[in-house]
C-alpha atoms as a PDB file:
ATOM      1  CA  UNK A   1     175.716 128.554 105.623  1.00  0.00           C
ATOM      2  CA  UNK A   2     174.289 125.242 106.172  1.00  0.00           C
ATOM      3  CA  UNK A   3     171.946 123.954 103.330  1.00  0.00           C
ATOM      4  CA  UNK A   4     169.127 121.372 103.608  1.00  0.00           C
ATOM      5  CA  UNK A   5     167.305 120.027 100.588  1.00  0.00           C
ATOM      6  CA  UNK A   6     163.873 118.367 100.996  1.00  0.00           C
ATOM      7  CA  UNK A   7     162.818 116.021  98.125  1.00  0.00           C
ATOM      8  CA  UNK A   8     159.664 114.248  97.205  1.00  0.00           C
ATOM      9  CA  UNK A   9     158.411 113.042  93.762  1.00  0.00           C
ATOM     10  CA  UNK A  10     156.853 116.135  91.992  1.00  0.00           C
ATOM     11  CA  UNK A  11     157.917 118.774  94.363  1.00  0.00           C
ATOM     12  CA  UNK A  12     154.337 120.008  94.734  1.00  0.00           C
ATOM     13  CA  UNK A  13     153.234 118.575  98.102  1.00  0.00           C
ATOM     14  CA  UNK A  14     155.441 116.948 100.659  1.00  0.00           C
ATOM     15  CA  UNK A  15     158.840 118.626 100.055  1.00  0.00           C
ATOM     16  CA  UNK A  16     157.510 122.220  99.795  1.00  0.00           C
ATOM     17  CA  UNK A  17     155.493 121.643 103.020  1.00  0.00           C
ATOM     18  CA  UNK A  18     158.580 120.212 104.728  1.00  0.00           C
ATOM     19  CA  UNK A  19     160.734 123.105 103.593  1.00  0.00           C
ATOM     20  CA  UNK A  20     158.088 125.631 104.796  1.00  0.00           C
ATOM     21  CA  UNK A  21     157.783 123.868 108.138  1.00  0.00           C
ATOM     22  CA  UNK A  22     161.618 123.679 108.665  1.00  0.00           C
ATOM     23  CA  UNK A  23     161.841 127.394 107.655  1.00  0.00           C
ATOM     24  CA  UNK A  24     159.281 128.280 110.216  1.00  0.00           C
ATOM     25  CA  UNK A  25     161.243 126.262 113.018  1.00  0.00           C
ATOM     26  CA  UNK A  26     164.356 128.195 112.061  1.00  0.00           C
ATOM     27  CA  UNK A  27     162.639 131.539 112.208  1.00  0.00           C
ATOM     28  CA  UNK A  28     161.014 130.701 115.694  1.00  0.00           C
ATOM     29  CA  UNK A  29     164.718 130.176 116.905  1.00  0.00           C
ATOM     30  CA  UNK A  30     166.042 133.037 114.976  1.00  0.00           C
ATOM     31  CA  UNK A  31     168.384 130.797 113.025  1.00  0.00           C
ATOM     32  CA  UNK A  32     167.167 131.494 109.498  1.00  0.00           C
ATOM     33  CA  UNK A  33     170.290 133.653 108.614  1.00  0.00           C
ATOM     34  CA  UNK A  34     172.570 130.615 108.983  1.00  0.00           C
ATOM     35  CA  UNK A  35     170.508 128.222 106.873  1.00  0.00           C
ATOM     36  CA  UNK A  36     169.450 127.725 103.333  1.00  0.00           C
ATOM     37  CA  UNK A  37     166.390 125.597 102.917  1.00  0.00           C
ATOM     38  CA  UNK A  38     165.360 124.235  99.421  1.00  0.00           C
ATOM     39  CA  UNK A  39     163.105 121.616  97.941  1.00  0.00           C
ATOM     40  CA  UNK A  40     162.997 119.541  94.743  1.00  0.00           C
ATOM     41  CA  UNK A  41     161.453 116.601  93.349  1.00  0.00           C
ATOM     42  CA  UNK A  42     162.863 113.303  91.671  1.00  0.00           C
ATOM     43  CA  UNK A  43     160.181 113.525  88.776  1.00  0.00           C
ATOM     44  CA  UNK A  44     159.363 117.207  88.910  1.00  0.00           C
ATOM     45  CA  UNK A  45     158.258 119.363  86.077  1.00  0.00           C
ATOM     46  CA  UNK A  46     159.767 122.798  86.372  1.00  0.00           C
ATOM     47  CA  UNK A  47     157.759 125.728  87.539  1.00  0.00           C
ATOM     48  CA  UNK A  48     154.432 124.201  88.584  1.00  0.00           C
ATOM     49  CA  UNK A  49     152.678 125.539  91.771  1.00  0.00           C
ATOM     50  CA  UNK A  50     151.957 123.410  94.776  1.00  0.00           C
ATOM     51  CA  UNK A  51     148.959 121.255  94.591  1.00  0.00           C
ATOM     52  CA  UNK A  52     145.712 123.027  95.681  1.00  0.00           C
ATOM     53  CA  UNK A  53     145.187 120.522  98.452  1.00  0.00           C
ATOM     54  CA  UNK A  54     148.803 121.022  99.643  1.00  0.00           C
ATOM     55  CA  UNK A  55     148.115 124.812  99.856  1.00  0.00           C
ATOM     56  CA  UNK A  56     144.944 124.320 101.750  1.00  0.00           C
ATOM     57  CA  UNK A  57     146.286 121.831 104.330  1.00  0.00           C
ATOM     58  CA  UNK A  58     149.585 123.709 104.653  1.00  0.00           C
ATOM     59  CA  UNK A  59     147.522 126.847 105.575  1.00  0.00           C
ATOM     60  CA  UNK A  60     145.746 124.787 108.334  1.00  0.00           C
ATOM     61  CA  UNK A  61     149.157 124.250 109.825  1.00  0.00           C
ATOM     62  CA  UNK A  62     150.134 127.858 109.544  1.00  0.00           C
ATOM     63  CA  UNK A  63     152.288 127.530 106.475  1.00  0.00           C
ATOM     64  CA  UNK A  64     152.051 129.473 103.253  1.00  0.00           C
ATOM     65  CA  UNK A  65     153.301 127.687 100.094  1.00  0.00           C
ATOM     66  CA  UNK A  66     151.296 129.698  97.571  1.00  0.00           C
ATOM     67  CA  UNK A  67     154.478 131.074  95.854  1.00  0.00           C
ATOM     68  CA  UNK A  68     156.166 127.724  95.635  1.00  0.00           C
ATOM     69  CA  UNK A  69     157.133 126.558  92.202  1.00  0.00           C
ATOM     70  CA  UNK A  70     158.430 122.974  91.444  1.00  0.00           C
ATOM     71  CA  UNK A  71     162.042 122.090  90.598  1.00  0.00           C
ATOM     72  CA  UNK A  72     163.590 118.856  89.452  1.00  0.00           C
ATOM     73  CA  UNK A  73     166.583 117.827  91.611  1.00  0.00           C
ATOM     74  CA  UNK A  74     169.940 118.326  89.981  1.00  0.00           C
ATOM     75  CA  UNK A  75     173.533 117.209  90.774  1.00  0.00           C
ATOM     76  CA  UNK A  76     174.301 120.794  91.620  1.00  0.00           C
ATOM     77  CA  UNK A  77     171.519 120.914  94.162  1.00  0.00           C
ATOM     78  CA  UNK A  78     172.757 117.737  95.774  1.00  0.00           C
ATOM     79  CA  UNK A  79     176.378 118.824  95.721  1.00  0.00           C
ATOM     80  CA  UNK A  80     175.446 122.113  97.476  1.00  0.00           C
ATOM     81  CA  UNK A  81     173.343 120.531 100.160  1.00  0.00           C
ATOM     82  CA  UNK A  82     174.770 119.329 103.530  1.00  0.00           C
ATOM     83  CA  UNK A  83     171.798 117.125 104.117  1.00  0.00           C
ATOM     84  CA  UNK A  84     169.121 115.756 101.667  1.00  0.00           C
ATOM     85  CA  UNK A  85     165.971 114.671 103.279  1.00  0.00           C
ATOM     86  CA  UNK A  86     163.592 112.427 101.182  1.00  0.00           C
ATOM     87  CA  UNK A  87     159.994 111.218 101.814  1.00  0.00           C
ATOM     88  CA  UNK A  88     160.215 107.676 100.520  1.00  0.00           C
ATOM     89  CA  UNK A  89     162.776 104.834 100.328  1.00  0.00           C
ATOM     90  CA  UNK A  90     162.365 104.758  96.640  1.00  0.00           C
ATOM     91  CA  UNK A  91     163.481 108.445  96.375  1.00  0.00           C
ATOM     92  CA  UNK A  92     166.647 107.459  98.444  1.00  0.00           C
ATOM     93  CA  UNK A  93     167.372 104.490  96.280  1.00  0.00           C
ATOM     94  CA  UNK A  94     166.995 106.358  93.030  1.00  0.00           C
ATOM     95  CA  UNK A  95     169.044 109.322  93.989  1.00  0.00           C
ATOM     96  CA  UNK A  96     171.779 107.073  95.551  1.00  0.00           C
ATOM     97  CA  UNK A  97     172.048 105.224  92.163  1.00  0.00           C
ATOM     98  CA  UNK A  98     171.935 108.346  89.991  1.00  0.00           C
ATOM     99  CA  UNK A  99     174.076 110.606  92.211  1.00  0.00           C
ATOM    100  CA  UNK A 100     176.503 108.273  93.892  1.00  0.00           C
ATOM    101  CA  UNK A 101     178.778 111.232  95.171  1.00  0.00           C
ATOM    102  CA  UNK A 102     175.808 112.386  97.401  1.00  0.00           C
ATOM    103  CA  UNK A 103     174.964 108.997  98.778  1.00  0.00           C
ATOM    104  CA  UNK A 104     176.185 109.846 102.272  1.00  0.00           C
ATOM    105  CA  UNK A 105     173.900 112.975 102.385  1.00  0.00           C
ATOM    106  CA  UNK A 106     170.513 111.124 101.706  1.00  0.00           C
ATOM    107  CA  UNK A 107     168.295 110.244 104.559  1.00  0.00           C
ATOM    108  CA  UNK A 108     164.595 109.625 105.048  1.00  0.00           C
ATOM    109  CA  UNK A 109     162.791 112.164 107.131  1.00  0.00           C
ATOM    110  CA  UNK A 110     161.416 109.378 109.524  1.00  0.00           C
ATOM    111  CA  UNK A 111     164.981 107.905 109.522  1.00  0.00           C
ATOM    112  CA  UNK A 112     166.722 111.044 110.636  1.00  0.00           C
ATOM    113  CA  UNK A 113     164.034 111.905 113.341  1.00  0.00           C
ATOM    114  CA  UNK A 114     162.933 108.445 114.677  1.00  0.00           C
ATOM    115  CA  UNK A 115     165.671 106.150 113.466  1.00  0.00           C
ATOM    116  CA  UNK A 116     163.157 104.130 111.449  1.00  0.00           C
ATOM    117  CA  UNK A 117     163.095 104.155 107.664  1.00  0.00           C
ATOM    118  CA  UNK A 118     159.369 104.558 106.970  1.00  0.00           C
ATOM    119  CA  UNK A 119     157.840 106.266 103.905  1.00  0.00           C
ATOM    120  CA  UNK A 120     155.612 109.225 104.077  1.00  0.00           C
ATOM    121  CA  UNK A 121     153.095 108.231 101.454  1.00  0.00           C
ATOM    122  CA  UNK A 122     152.337 110.548  98.545  1.00  0.00           C
ATOM    123  CA  UNK A 123     148.972 112.142  99.393  1.00  0.00           C
ATOM    124  CA  UNK A 124     148.218 112.514  95.719  1.00  0.00           C
ATOM    125  CA  UNK A 125     148.344 108.668  95.162  1.00  0.00           C
ATOM    126  CA  UNK A 126     146.868 107.668  98.618  1.00  0.00           C
ATOM    127  CA  UNK A 127     144.369 110.490  99.497  1.00  0.00           C
ATOM    128  CA  UNK A 128     145.697 111.009 102.854  1.00  0.00           C
ATOM    129  CA  UNK A 129     146.449 114.682 102.416  1.00  0.00           C
ATOM    130  CA  UNK A 130     145.845 115.904 106.014  1.00  0.00           C
ATOM    131  CA  UNK A 131     147.710 112.977 107.459  1.00  0.00           C
ATOM    132  CA  UNK A 132     150.787 113.636 105.271  1.00  0.00           C
ATOM    133  CA  UNK A 133     150.956 117.306 106.320  1.00  0.00           C
ATOM    134  CA  UNK A 134     150.438 116.492 109.966  1.00  0.00           C
ATOM    135  CA  UNK A 135     153.149 113.763 109.908  1.00  0.00           C
ATOM    136  CA  UNK A 136     155.527 115.960 108.093  1.00  0.00           C
ATOM    137  CA  UNK A 137     155.015 118.932 110.509  1.00  0.00           C
ATOM    138  CA  UNK A 138     155.165 116.638 113.587  1.00  0.00           C
ATOM    139  CA  UNK A 139     158.345 114.990 112.475  1.00  0.00           C
ATOM    140  CA  UNK A 140     160.054 118.393 111.743  1.00  0.00           C
ATOM    141  CA  UNK A 141     158.892 119.970 114.922  1.00  0.00           C
ATOM    142  CA  UNK A 142     159.802 117.016 117.179  1.00  0.00           C
ATOM    143  CA  UNK A 143     162.971 116.237 115.304  1.00  0.00           C
ATOM    144  CA  UNK A 144     164.198 119.621 114.484  1.00  0.00           C
ATOM    145  CA  UNK A 145     167.438 119.365 116.594  1.00  0.00           C
ATOM    146  CA  UNK A 146     168.146 115.952 115.116  1.00  0.00           C
ATOM    147  CA  UNK A 147     167.702 117.290 111.546  1.00  0.00           C
ATOM    148  CA  UNK A 148     169.897 120.244 112.277  1.00  0.00           C
ATOM    149  CA  UNK A 149     172.549 118.087 113.835  1.00  0.00           C
ATOM    150  CA  UNK A 150     172.608 115.729 110.797  1.00  0.00           C
ATOM    151  CA  UNK A 151     172.971 118.691 108.454  1.00  0.00           C
ATOM    152  CA  UNK A 152     175.738 120.317 110.555  1.00  0.00           C
ATOM    153  CA  UNK A 153     177.632 116.981 110.538  1.00  0.00           C
ATOM    154  CA  UNK A 154     177.473 116.962 106.777  1.00  0.00           C
ATOM    155  CA  UNK A 155     178.590 120.584 106.667  1.00  0.00           C
ATOM    156  CA  UNK A 156     181.679 119.745 108.713  1.00  0.00           C
ATOM    157  CA  UNK A 157     182.505 116.559 106.953  1.00  0.00           C
END
């Protein structure tokens, strides 16, 4: 089974939405049995629900994250993942420093899909909730094959 881990800061907005969107893409292609999809946060408090705005905007994109509960990223999660997809360059840098054995697995969502390392801004800090959800879903839908290929390369390496 190939494992992909989506990471943002608090694991209450961007990464749960990314995980839900990726799961939907897997389901539409009838591939969900071959994949494990998780999310976590670099500064997450365990067990909190997704942000109310995240739930609302996710629903507008056909995603249901009401049952999501936040988790802080651990070395075990990173070790188990074939690919770790982060939302900001700061996430990537912090994780590379703290978990050096997983450096090769870390990639920005924009980087894996478009080849350009751009941040997906935290909607809680920048009040761009609908834009963040739209951007995450667009990147996962258009870059689904690239994300899968990167994860499968990690699984075989």
